[in-house]
C-alpha cells in the first residue's frame, strides 16, 4: 500500500505482469574495481544434511545476483540494481573453515570441505565440494539428577531426539528448553547441565541432562521505580506504584513462573506513557532461595503529546490532522485524546489534475472533516482488558456515491489473547444523515419516490455492534518478510441495538508473507465479505414485503490503492448510469420528440436508453452485498529499505 511517502514504488500490473522498461543505462565500473574478478556463481556439491540456501547463509563468498523482479533486465545486459561481488581468496579460505565448523557442530565429525575455482574472463566460479561422512548420532537421551513430577511432561517434544545427529547447537537448545520449563513450573532456581558419552569405535553417543530442581519458589517483595526526564534531569515518574502492580500477571506470594516476567514487561509497554520497562529479579537484598524478589523499572515519556500530520493523495486530495493526548489522565495510566482532521482541501481546484482526480466535484468535492475525543482505560478488571469510550463527529464523502454526516458515541472492550492477538467488542451508536445519495438509494433499494428518498436521507440511527478478532504474526510492522496477519470482523445492527437500519455483516481478511531471497518477498492477500440486509421499518411495504436497506457506507466497494489497483477508488463492482433531467427533456433533433415526457419522469417510467452513448452520463458506484478480492505481490528491496519496487496481480 502506497501512502504519502511510499516505501517503494509500485508498478501497476493488472492481469498480466509487465516488466518495467525505464532502466536505460548501466553504470560503468568504478576505477577501483578494474582488474578484479567477479564471482559469477557459487555452488555446493555433496551436501545432503543442509540445503544450498542454508550453506549460502553460512559463508562470506557470494555470487553476483539480480533481484527477482529485475532478472529480465539483467538478462539483456542492464546492470542497474545488480549486487556485484568480487573474488577474495582469503574469504574462500575462511568459508572452508566456516562450513567445516558448521557440519561438526551438527554432529558430522568426519566432514571434509574442498574448493574448485574456475576462472574466465574477469570472472570466477566457486564450487564447494563437501564430503559429509557419517554423522555421530544420538543413541539415547536421558534425564538424571533430582526426580521430576511426570505431570510436568518435561521431556515432551524436545529439540534433540534419539537418532538425530549429535548437534551441539540442539544440545544447548534442549538444555535451554528444559530449564525454561522448570522455571515456568515454579522452580525458579532450577539448573540443568548436559553431557554426552561415546563408546570407542561407536557411531552413536548417549546424551544426559542432569537436573537440580532447587526449592519450590514464590514471588517475593516487588519494588517499583518510575523515572522521567524533566529539563534534562531524571525525576520520579507520574505513574503510581499501584498502577504498575496492577499490570503485572503475578503478585507477592504467588508461585514464581519465568514466563510471567516476560508477560509483565509486555503488559507495561501497553501503557501509552511507558517508553521503556524492565522486570527482573531484585538482587540487592538477602532472601531465602525459595523467595525471588522482583524489581520493576519504568521509564516514562512526556505526559502530554501533540502530533500533527498531512499528506496528499488522489482520493482525499490535501489532508491534515492533529492530535493532543494526555497519557496519564487523572492517573492510572489512562489516556485522553482530542483529535481533528480535514481532507479534500483544494479538491475543487486540483480535481482536474492527477493529484486529486478521484476526489470528486460539487458536493463530493467539499471539505470533509472529523473531530473526536477518545478515552482509554488500560486496565479494566484485568491487565489484559482495555476499556474504550469516545464521542465523535464527521463528514465523509465517497465520490459519486454519497455524502454522510454523523455524530455519535463509541464504546469498546479489547481483550489480549496472547502475543499480538486481540478480541474486540464495540458499540458505535450514531445519528447518521445522507446527502447526494439519490442514485444509490433508487438503484439498490428501489427507493425512487421523493418521499422514500427523504426518509432514507434524513437523520437515522445507525447502532452497530461489532465483534472482531485480529492476530499479527508478521516479523515487522512495515514491509514484513515472513509471517501472517489475520482479521475476522462480525457486525450486526437492528432494533435490539437501537438502530433504524438492520443488517449482519461479516468480513475476513488475511495476508501471508514469505521471503524468497535476501531482497525479494512474496506477499499474498485475500479478503472476503458478505452482508445480509434487514428491513427498514420506516419505509412503506412493497408488495407486502418490508424494504431491505443496507447503509451505503457499509456496502462493499472495490478498486483503489487498498483494493484492486488499476481501478479508480470504489469503481469496481455494481454501478449505475445517471444523467440530469434536462438531458431527458431535450429534443433529440429537429422535429424529434424529447427522450422522455415530464409525466414519465414524475412517474419514474422514463426510458433513457435512446441517449446512451450520445449524451453525458455519470457512472455511479452503488456497492454490493458480497466481495472477494486478493493480490499476489512480489516486493523487491534495491537498497536496504531506501528504494524498492513491487510487481503485483490483483483480482476481485
Foldseek 3Di string as FASTA:
>chain_A
DQFQDGLAAADEDAPDFDQDDPQDAADDDDPVCPPFAWEAEEEEPPDDPDDRVVLVVQADDDHWDAPPSCVVVVVVPRCPLIDIDTDDPVRVVVSQVRVQVVLVLQFQPPKHWDWDWDDDDSYIYIYIYINRPAGQFAQEEEEDADDDDVVLVLPPPQQHDGGGGPHNVSVVSSQVSSLQSLQQVQQVPKHKDKDWADDPPDSYIHIYIYIDRPDRAWEAAEAEFEWEDDPNDIDGDDADPVLLVQQQPGDGPGRGHVVSQVVSQVLVVVLVFFDHKHKDFDPPDDDPPRYTYIYIYTYTYDQKDKDKDWRFAQAFGTKIKIKIKGQQVVHSRKMKMKMKMKTLVCCQVCCVDSRHVQQADDPSSDMKMKIKIKIKRCADVHNQKIKIKMWMWIWDHGYQAKIKTKTWMKIKMWGDPDDQKIKMKIKIKIFMAIDSHQVLCCVPQVQNAPVSVCVRRHTFIDIKIKIKMKHWPFPDPPPTAFDKIKMWMWIFDDVVRVGLWGKIKIKIKMKGWHHPDPFKIKIKIKMKMFMDFDFRVVDDADPNHGTTDDPQVPFDFAEDPVHADPGRPRQPDDKDKDDDPVQQQDAPDVVGGGQDDPVCVNVVNGDPVVCVPPDDIDIHRNGDRIDIKMKIKMKGDSDVSNYIYMIMYIDD
